[in-house]
Amino acid sequence: MSRRNSIDSAENSRLLGKASSAQAVSQPIKPSADILCPPRQQSSTQHTTYWRLALYENRTLASAITAAIVGMLVGYPFDSLKTRMQTNHYPSILACAQRSIAEEGISGLYRGFLPPLLTASVAKSLSFSFFEKTKLWLRHHDPYADKKSVLRIPDFQRKTAGSIALTAGLSGAVAGAMIAALCCPLELVKVQMQLAKLLDKKRMPVALPLGPDSALQPRLKAGGEIGKDQSVPTTLKPVKGAASAPAWARSNLSVVREIIRCRGVAGLYYGIRLHILRDASGTAIYFAAYETIKETLRQITGSETTGPMTHMLAGGSCGVLSWLLIFPVDLIKSSIQSQALQPKEAVIFNGPWHCMRSTYSKLGICGLYRGVSVSLIRAFPIHGLNFVVYEWARSTICWLAGRRE
C-alpha cells in the first residue's frame, strides 16, 4: 500500500513539473529595465529630470533674470536720456536725443550699459526672490489670520484686494530697501558714465581761447598784464575727438577709481539714503499695483488664470503709476549723485532738501518732473514687457518640470 502511494506521489510530481514548465513557456519573458532603457539613456534621462527640477526650484530667479536682460536691452537708451534731461536743460526729448546722438552716436546712449545689466540681472532676481519670500513669511506669521478685526485691518492671506495690496506693498518695500543697499555703488557708476561728457565740461578749469596765435594764450606785456589791444575771445576751439569719453570715464573700473580718489571708499555710497527711499517706496507701489490690477482683471474676466494681455496691462500700469509718484525723489537722487566727482567749490546742492527747494523755487512743480516724459514713454511698454516675459518664463519652467505653480 505504501509502495503504491509512493508511485502515485512520484506521478503527481512529474505531472506538476510538466504543467509548470508549460506555463513558464507560455508566459512571455519580461525584459529588464536595462534592456528597455540602456544605462547611458537612463543616466541622460535622470540628468534632464534633475535640471528641470532644479530650474523649477529656482524659477523665480531664472524668470527674473530673463525679464531683466530683455528689459535692459530695450529700455536702457531711454534711461540714459532721462538722466541727461534730469541733470541738464533740453527743450524736449527729441532735442536731447538728437544732440546726444550727434555728439556721441548711438553707442553713447549705451555708455555704462554693463554695470546696470549686471545690476538689473542680479537685483531683479534678488528683488523678486525677496518679494516672494517676504510674502510667504507674512502669510505664515499673520497675526490676523484667524481673527476678525473690528477695524477690518486686511490680513496677509491674499483673499481680498486689500490683503493683496498690503502684502505686496510691504514685501515690495523690504525687497526695494535691500536691493538699494546692495546696488548703490553700481547705480552711482551708471550715473557718472551716462553724464561723463557733460560732467567733464563742468570739471574743466580752463579753456584755451581762440586768438591770432592759433589757440595760444594771449601774449603778455613785460609787466605781466594783458595788453589792451589783445582782447580775450570767448569762443572755444573745437577739439578733435571730443565725442570720446573723458579719461576718467573710459571704463566702469576707471570711474570707480576716480570716485575712490575723490571721496574715498565711502564715496561709492554717495546718495544712498535717497537711493533706499526711492527703491523702497517705488518697489512697494510697483508690486502692490501690479498684484492688485492683475487680480482685478482676473475677476473681471472670470478666468482662473491670467494671460499675456493681463500681464501687459497690469505691468504697464504699475510702471506708470510708480514713476509718477516717485519721480521727484529720483530726480533729486540723480542731481545729488551727479555731484559726486565735482570739487567742493563747484557743488550746487548741499543736500536733498536744498536741491528740492532750489529746483522748486526756480522751476516750480514742473521742475521736479523734468525728464518725466521719457520715463512715462518707456514705463508702459518696458514694464509691461518685463512682466510678460517674467510670467511666461515662470509658466514655461513649471511646464517643463511637469508641475503646477
Protein backbone atom coordinates (compact mmCIF):
# COMPACT_ATOMS: atom_id res chain seq x y z
CA MET A 1 0.00 0.00 0.00
CA SER A 2 2.81 2.31 0.89
CA ARG A 3 4.60 1.38 -2.30
CA ARG A 4 1.52 2.36 -4.34
CA ASN A 5 1.25 5.70 -2.55
CA SER A 6 4.87 6.49 -3.33
CA ILE A 7 4.28 5.68 -7.01
CA ASP A 8 1.24 7.98 -7.06
CA SER A 9 3.21 10.77 -5.43
CA ALA A 10 6.01 10.45 -7.96
CA GLU A 11 3.50 10.55 -10.81
CA ASN A 12 1.83 13.64 -9.41
CA SER A 13 5.19 15.39 -9.05
CA ARG A 14 6.04 14.56 -12.66
CA LEU A 15 2.70 15.96 -13.91
CA LEU A 16 3.08 19.12 -11.82
CA GLY A 17 6.60 19.67 -13.21
CA LYS A 18 5.30 19.43 -16.79
CA ALA A 19 2.47 21.86 -16.06
CA SER A 20 4.79 24.44 -14.53
CA SER A 21 7.20 24.08 -17.46
CA ALA A 22 4.38 24.60 -19.93
CA GLN A 23 3.17 27.63 -18.02
CA ALA A 24 6.68 29.08 -17.97
CA VAL A 25 6.98 28.58 -21.72
CA SER A 26 3.56 30.13 -22.42
CA GLN A 27 4.26 33.28 -20.38
CA PRO A 28 6.32 35.96 -22.23
CA ILE A 29 9.66 36.87 -20.74
CA LYS A 30 9.56 40.38 -19.28
CA PRO A 31 12.55 42.41 -20.41
CA SER A 32 14.63 44.04 -17.69
CA ALA A 33 14.87 47.79 -17.19
CA ASP A 34 18.37 47.73 -18.65
CA ILE A 35 17.05 46.22 -21.90
CA LEU A 36 14.20 48.77 -22.24
CA CYS A 37 16.39 51.75 -21.27
CA PRO A 38 20.13 51.34 -21.61
CA PRO A 39 22.24 52.68 -18.71
CA ARG A 40 23.52 55.64 -20.74
CA GLN A 41 19.97 56.64 -21.72
CA GLN A 42 18.82 56.18 -18.11
CA SER A 43 21.60 58.50 -16.93
CA SER A 44 20.69 61.10 -19.56
CA THR A 45 17.01 60.97 -18.58
CA GLN A 46 17.81 61.30 -14.88
CA HIS A 47 20.18 64.19 -15.64
CA THR A 48 17.49 66.03 -17.64
CA THR A 49 14.91 65.47 -14.90
CA TYR A 50 17.33 66.74 -12.27
CA TRP A 51 17.99 70.01 -14.13
CA ARG A 52 14.30 70.55 -14.78
CA LEU A 53 13.54 70.13 -11.09
CA ALA A 54 16.46 72.39 -10.15
CA LEU A 55 15.20 75.02 -12.59
CA TYR A 56 11.71 74.65 -11.12
CA GLU A 57 13.01 75.18 -7.58
CA ASN A 58 14.75 78.37 -8.76
CA ARG A 59 12.05 79.51 -11.19
CA THR A 60 11.78 82.95 -9.62
CA LEU A 61 15.48 83.66 -10.14
CA ALA A 62 15.55 82.32 -13.70
CA SER A 63 12.39 84.17 -14.76
CA ALA A 64 13.54 87.46 -13.23
CA ILE A 65 16.96 87.29 -14.92
CA THR A 66 15.34 86.61 -18.29
CA ALA A 67 12.98 89.57 -17.87
CA ALA A 68 15.82 91.83 -16.68
CA ILE A 69 18.01 91.17 -19.72
CA VAL A 70 15.19 91.76 -22.20
CA GLY A 71 14.01 94.91 -20.42
CA MET A 72 17.52 96.36 -20.13
CA LEU A 73 18.31 95.89 -23.83
CA VAL A 74 15.14 97.71 -24.82
CA GLY A 75 14.93 100.37 -22.11
CA TYR A 76 18.50 101.49 -21.38
CA PRO A 77 18.67 104.26 -24.05
CA PHE A 78 15.51 105.80 -22.58
CA ASP A 79 17.02 105.66 -19.10
CA SER A 80 20.14 107.41 -20.38
CA LEU A 81 18.03 110.19 -21.94
CA LYS A 82 16.05 110.52 -18.70
CA THR A 83 19.23 111.05 -16.66
CA ARG A 84 20.50 113.67 -19.12
CA MET A 85 17.22 115.59 -19.02
CA GLN A 86 17.14 115.48 -15.21
CA THR A 87 20.58 117.00 -14.78
CA ASN A 88 20.71 119.31 -17.83
CA HIS A 89 18.25 121.54 -19.65
CA TYR A 90 16.91 120.42 -23.02
CA PRO A 91 13.81 121.85 -24.73
CA SER A 92 12.38 118.38 -25.47
CA ILE A 93 13.09 114.66 -25.55
CA LEU A 94 13.69 114.83 -29.29
CA ALA A 95 16.24 117.64 -28.87
CA CYS A 96 18.02 115.68 -26.15
CA ALA A 97 18.13 112.52 -28.30
CA GLN A 98 19.29 114.39 -31.41
CA ARG A 99 22.07 116.23 -29.60
CA SER A 100 23.24 113.13 -27.74
CA ILE A 101 23.36 111.01 -30.89
CA ALA A 102 25.05 113.79 -32.89
CA GLU A 103 27.78 114.22 -30.27
CA GLU A 104 28.26 110.63 -29.11
CA GLY A 105 26.46 108.38 -31.56
CA ILE A 106 24.00 105.59 -30.70
CA SER A 107 26.68 103.91 -28.61
CA GLY A 108 26.70 106.97 -26.38
CA LEU A 109 23.18 106.09 -25.21
CA TYR A 110 24.53 102.69 -24.13
CA ARG A 111 27.55 104.08 -22.28
CA GLY A 112 27.78 102.42 -18.89
CA PHE A 113 25.47 99.62 -20.05
CA LEU A 114 27.38 96.73 -18.46
CA PRO A 115 27.06 97.68 -14.76
CA PRO A 116 23.27 98.18 -14.89
CA LEU A 117 22.91 95.00 -16.97
CA LEU A 118 24.67 93.04 -14.25
CA THR A 119 22.88 95.08 -11.61
CA ALA A 120 19.48 94.56 -13.20
CA SER A 121 20.00 90.82 -13.60
CA VAL A 122 21.18 90.34 -10.03
CA ALA A 123 18.94 92.99 -8.49
CA LYS A 124 15.77 91.92 -10.25
CA SER A 125 16.33 88.25 -9.44
CA LEU A 126 17.04 89.08 -5.80
CA SER A 127 14.18 91.58 -5.71
CA PHE A 128 11.64 89.03 -6.91
CA SER A 129 13.12 86.42 -4.56
CA PHE A 130 12.93 88.74 -1.55
CA PHE A 131 9.42 89.71 -2.63
CA GLU A 132 8.18 86.10 -2.85
CA LYS A 133 9.94 85.04 0.37
CA THR A 134 8.54 88.03 2.28
CA LYS A 135 5.01 87.29 1.00
CA LEU A 136 5.34 83.70 2.20
CA TRP A 137 6.73 84.80 5.58
CA LEU A 138 3.89 87.29 6.10
CA ARG A 139 1.32 84.62 5.29
CA HIS A 140 2.81 82.18 7.82
CA HIS A 141 3.24 84.86 10.53
CA ASP A 142 -0.05 86.69 10.02
CA PRO A 143 -1.41 87.89 13.41
CA TYR A 144 -4.87 88.47 11.90
CA ALA A 145 -5.20 85.18 10.04
CA ASP A 146 -7.77 83.67 12.43
CA LYS A 147 -9.24 86.89 13.78
CA LYS A 148 -11.93 89.24 12.56
CA SER A 149 -10.63 92.67 13.42
CA VAL A 150 -13.13 95.31 14.47
CA LEU A 151 -11.14 97.83 12.41
CA ARG A 152 -11.23 95.45 9.44
CA ILE A 153 -7.48 95.55 9.02
CA PRO A 154 -6.53 93.47 5.96
CA ASP A 155 -4.64 90.28 6.72
CA PHE A 156 -1.87 88.67 4.69
CA GLN A 157 -3.81 85.70 3.33
CA ARG A 158 -4.34 87.41 -0.06
CA LYS A 159 -8.04 86.64 -0.28
CA THR A 160 -9.22 90.23 -0.82
CA ALA A 161 -7.95 93.18 -2.85
CA GLY A 162 -6.87 94.99 0.33
CA SER A 163 -4.99 91.95 1.56
CA ILE A 164 -3.24 91.53 -1.79
CA ALA A 165 -2.23 95.20 -1.93
CA LEU A 166 -0.98 95.29 1.69
CA THR A 167 1.04 92.08 1.36
CA ALA A 168 2.57 93.09 -1.96
CA GLY A 169 3.33 96.61 -0.73
CA LEU A 170 5.17 95.51 2.42
CA SER A 171 7.02 92.76 0.56
CA GLY A 172 8.00 95.20 -2.18
CA ALA A 173 9.29 97.76 0.35
CA VAL A 174 11.51 95.14 2.00
CA ALA A 175 12.82 93.96 -1.36
CA GLY A 176 13.48 97.50 -2.61
CA ALA A 177 15.36 98.60 0.51
CA MET A 178 17.62 95.55 0.49
CA ILE A 179 18.41 95.85 -3.21
CA ALA A 180 19.17 99.58 -2.92
CA ALA A 181 21.67 98.93 -0.13
CA LEU A 182 23.43 96.33 -2.28
CA CYS A 183 23.40 98.15 -5.62
CA CYS A 184 24.07 101.79 -4.70
CA PRO A 185 27.72 101.74 -5.93
CA LEU A 186 26.72 100.36 -9.33
CA GLU A 187 23.92 102.90 -9.64
CA LEU A 188 26.37 105.70 -8.86
CA VAL A 189 28.80 104.42 -11.51
CA LYS A 190 25.96 104.27 -14.03
CA VAL A 191 25.01 107.91 -13.41
CA GLN A 192 28.63 109.04 -13.80
CA MET A 193 29.03 107.08 -17.05
CA GLN A 194 25.79 108.43 -18.50
CA LEU A 195 26.80 112.03 -17.74
CA ALA A 196 30.53 111.63 -18.37
CA LYS A 197 30.90 114.21 -21.16
CA LEU A 198 28.58 116.72 -19.54
CA LEU A 199 30.28 116.40 -16.16
CA ASP A 200 33.72 116.65 -17.72
CA LYS A 201 32.82 120.04 -19.20
CA LYS A 202 31.97 121.29 -15.72
CA ARG A 203 35.24 119.95 -14.33
CA MET A 204 37.44 121.69 -16.96
CA PRO A 205 39.13 124.58 -15.10
CA VAL A 206 40.49 126.45 -18.13
CA ALA A 207 39.56 126.56 -21.79
CA LEU A 208 42.03 127.68 -24.43
CA PRO A 209 40.71 130.80 -26.23
CA LEU A 210 40.97 131.36 -29.94
CA GLY A 211 43.37 134.10 -30.92
CA PRO A 212 45.68 135.28 -33.67
CA ASP A 213 48.36 132.87 -32.42
CA SER A 214 46.39 129.69 -33.22
CA ALA A 215 44.85 128.91 -29.83
CA LEU A 216 47.88 130.07 -27.82
CA GLN A 217 47.44 132.11 -24.70
CA PRO A 218 47.46 135.90 -25.33
CA ARG A 219 50.90 137.49 -25.34
CA LEU A 220 51.68 139.25 -22.12
CA LYS A 221 53.48 142.54 -21.65
CA ALA A 222 56.63 142.75 -19.63
CA GLY A 223 54.62 143.69 -16.56
CA GLY A 224 52.56 140.53 -16.81
CA GLU A 225 49.27 142.25 -17.82
CA ILE A 226 47.29 141.57 -20.95
CA GLY A 227 47.63 144.34 -23.47
CA LYS A 228 44.61 146.49 -24.17
CA ASP A 229 44.80 145.58 -27.82
CA GLN A 230 44.75 141.88 -27.01
CA SER A 231 41.15 141.01 -26.27
CA VAL A 232 40.39 137.50 -24.99
CA PRO A 233 37.80 135.80 -27.20
CA THR A 234 35.24 133.56 -25.59
CA THR A 235 34.69 131.10 -28.44
CA LEU A 236 36.22 127.71 -27.73
CA LYS A 237 38.25 125.94 -30.36
CA PRO A 238 36.79 122.56 -31.35
CA VAL A 239 38.84 119.70 -30.02
CA LYS A 240 39.44 116.71 -32.22
CA GLY A 241 37.92 113.56 -30.78
CA ALA A 242 35.66 115.48 -28.38
CA ALA A 243 32.94 112.86 -28.77
CA SER A 244 35.03 110.29 -26.92
CA ALA A 245 34.59 109.83 -23.20
CA PRO A 246 36.97 111.61 -20.81
CA ALA A 247 39.93 109.65 -19.45
CA TRP A 248 38.33 109.07 -16.04
CA ALA A 249 35.21 107.56 -17.67
CA ARG A 250 36.82 105.22 -20.21
CA SER A 251 35.62 102.19 -18.25
CA ASN A 252 33.50 101.33 -15.24
CA LEU A 253 36.61 100.47 -13.26
CA SER A 254 38.17 103.85 -14.03
CA VAL A 255 35.03 105.57 -12.71
CA VAL A 256 35.25 103.52 -9.51
CA ARG A 257 38.90 104.54 -9.10
CA GLU A 258 38.00 108.20 -9.67
CA ILE A 259 35.23 108.09 -7.08
CA ILE A 260 37.54 106.50 -4.52
CA ARG A 261 40.26 109.05 -5.34
CA CYS A 262 37.88 111.98 -4.84
CA ARG A 263 35.75 110.76 -1.93
CA GLY A 264 37.31 107.59 -0.57
CA VAL A 265 35.67 104.16 -0.40
CA ALA A 266 32.63 105.62 1.36
CA GLY A 267 32.07 107.75 -1.75
CA LEU A 268 30.76 104.67 -3.54
CA TYR A 269 27.66 105.02 -1.36
CA TYR A 270 27.17 108.70 -2.15
CA GLY A 271 23.40 109.38 -2.07
CA ILE A 272 22.48 106.00 -0.55
CA ARG A 273 19.68 107.40 1.65
CA LEU A 274 17.88 108.80 -1.38
CA HIS A 275 18.52 105.56 -3.21
CA ILE A 276 16.92 103.49 -0.43
CA LEU A 277 13.98 105.91 -0.18
CA ARG A 278 13.38 105.76 -3.92
CA ASP A 279 13.64 101.99 -4.26
CA ALA A 280 11.74 101.07 -1.10
CA SER A 281 8.75 103.32 -1.88
CA GLY A 282 8.89 102.72 -5.63
CA THR A 283 9.06 98.92 -5.35
CA ALA A 284 6.24 98.89 -2.80
CA ILE A 285 3.98 100.87 -5.15
CA TYR A 286 5.16 98.80 -8.11
CA PHE A 287 4.33 95.35 -6.75
CA ALA A 288 1.19 96.44 -4.92
CA ALA A 289 -0.24 97.98 -8.08
CA TYR A 290 0.72 95.01 -10.26
CA GLU A 291 -0.75 92.34 -7.98
CA THR A 292 -3.94 94.33 -7.37
CA ILE A 293 -4.55 95.19 -11.03
CA LYS A 294 -3.81 91.64 -12.15
CA GLU A 295 -6.24 90.15 -9.64
CA THR A 296 -8.90 92.74 -10.52
CA LEU A 297 -8.60 91.95 -14.24
CA ARG A 298 -8.77 88.22 -13.47
CA GLN A 299 -12.00 88.70 -11.54
CA ILE A 300 -13.49 90.88 -14.29
CA THR A 301 -12.77 88.25 -16.95
CA GLY A 302 -13.94 85.43 -14.70
CA SER A 303 -10.90 83.33 -15.53
CA GLU A 304 -8.91 81.11 -13.19
CA THR A 305 -5.61 82.13 -14.75
CA THR A 306 -4.18 85.28 -16.33
CA GLY A 307 -2.71 85.68 -19.81
CA PRO A 308 -0.15 87.89 -21.56
CA MET A 309 -2.62 90.72 -22.18
CA THR A 310 -3.45 90.92 -18.47
CA HIS A 311 0.25 90.87 -17.57
CA MET A 312 0.95 93.61 -20.12
CA LEU A 313 -1.82 95.89 -18.86
CA ALA A 314 -1.02 95.31 -15.18
CA GLY A 315 2.74 95.65 -15.67
CA GLY A 316 2.49 98.78 -17.80
CA SER A 317 0.03 100.44 -15.42
CA CYS A 318 2.10 99.75 -12.31
CA GLY A 319 5.21 101.10 -14.06
CA VAL A 320 3.50 104.38 -14.99
CA LEU A 321 1.94 104.79 -11.53
CA SER A 322 5.16 104.15 -9.62
CA TRP A 323 7.15 106.59 -11.76
CA LEU A 324 4.55 109.34 -11.37
CA LEU A 325 4.70 109.05 -7.59
CA ILE A 326 8.44 108.66 -7.01
CA PHE A 327 9.89 110.69 -9.89
CA PRO A 328 10.73 113.79 -7.78
CA VAL A 329 12.76 111.56 -5.44
CA ASP A 330 14.55 110.04 -8.43
CA LEU A 331 15.31 113.48 -9.86
CA ILE A 332 16.79 114.69 -6.57
CA LYS A 333 18.82 111.47 -6.27
CA SER A 334 20.26 111.89 -9.78
CA SER A 335 21.05 115.56 -9.14
CA ILE A 336 22.85 114.79 -5.87
CA GLN A 337 24.75 111.81 -7.27
CA SER A 338 25.85 113.80 -10.32
CA GLN A 339 27.93 115.94 -7.92
CA ALA A 340 29.95 113.02 -6.60
CA LEU A 341 33.04 113.92 -8.66
CA GLN A 342 32.68 117.69 -8.56
CA PRO A 343 35.13 119.74 -6.48
CA LYS A 344 33.65 121.22 -3.30
CA GLU A 345 33.55 124.75 -4.71
CA ALA A 346 31.54 123.50 -7.72
CA VAL A 347 28.88 121.65 -5.68
CA ILE A 348 25.50 123.29 -6.24
CA PHE A 349 23.25 121.40 -3.80
CA ASN A 350 24.18 120.96 -0.16
CA GLY A 351 21.66 118.20 0.39
CA PRO A 352 18.31 116.72 -0.72
CA TRP A 353 16.16 119.44 0.87
CA HIS A 354 18.30 122.19 -0.62
CA CYS A 355 18.05 120.52 -4.02
CA MET A 356 14.27 120.24 -3.78
CA ARG A 357 13.76 123.83 -2.58
CA SER A 358 16.14 125.24 -5.18
CA THR A 359 14.54 123.31 -8.03
CA TYR A 360 11.02 124.20 -6.91
CA SER A 361 11.82 127.91 -6.45
CA LYS A 362 13.35 128.19 -9.92
CA LEU A 363 11.11 125.91 -12.00
CA GLY A 364 8.06 125.20 -9.85
CA ILE A 365 6.47 121.76 -9.55
CA CYS A 366 7.30 121.08 -13.20
CA GLY A 367 10.98 121.31 -12.31
CA LEU A 368 10.63 118.27 -10.06
CA TYR A 369 9.25 116.33 -13.04
CA ARG A 370 11.90 117.40 -15.53
CA GLY A 371 12.53 114.38 -17.78
CA VAL A 372 9.40 112.52 -16.63
CA SER A 373 8.14 112.29 -20.21
CA VAL A 374 10.99 109.91 -21.10
CA SER A 375 10.20 107.72 -18.10
CA LEU A 376 6.49 107.60 -18.90
CA ILE A 377 7.11 106.84 -22.57
CA ARG A 378 9.28 103.88 -21.65
CA ALA A 379 7.38 102.86 -18.50
CA PHE A 380 4.31 101.21 -20.01
CA PRO A 381 5.94 99.09 -22.75
CA ILE A 382 9.08 98.25 -20.76
CA HIS A 383 7.37 97.24 -17.53
CA GLY A 384 4.56 95.55 -19.41
CA LEU A 385 7.14 93.55 -21.38
CA ASN A 386 9.00 92.84 -18.14
CA PHE A 387 6.04 91.07 -16.56
CA VAL A 388 5.00 89.34 -19.78
CA VAL A 389 8.48 87.80 -20.06
CA TYR A 390 8.61 87.02 -16.34
CA GLU A 391 5.23 85.28 -16.22
CA TRP A 392 5.93 83.43 -19.50
CA ALA A 393 9.31 82.18 -18.29
CA ARG A 394 7.82 81.12 -14.97
CA SER A 395 4.95 79.17 -16.56
CA THR A 396 7.32 77.59 -19.10
CA ILE A 397 9.62 76.34 -16.34
CA CYS A 398 6.64 74.84 -14.49
CA TRP A 399 5.51 73.14 -17.72
CA LEU A 400 8.97 71.69 -18.35
CA ALA A 401 9.09 70.30 -14.81
CA GLY A 402 5.58 68.91 -15.13
CA ARG A 403 4.43 70.70 -12.01
CA ARG A 404 1.91 73.35 -11.13
CA GLU A 405 2.80 76.83 -9.91
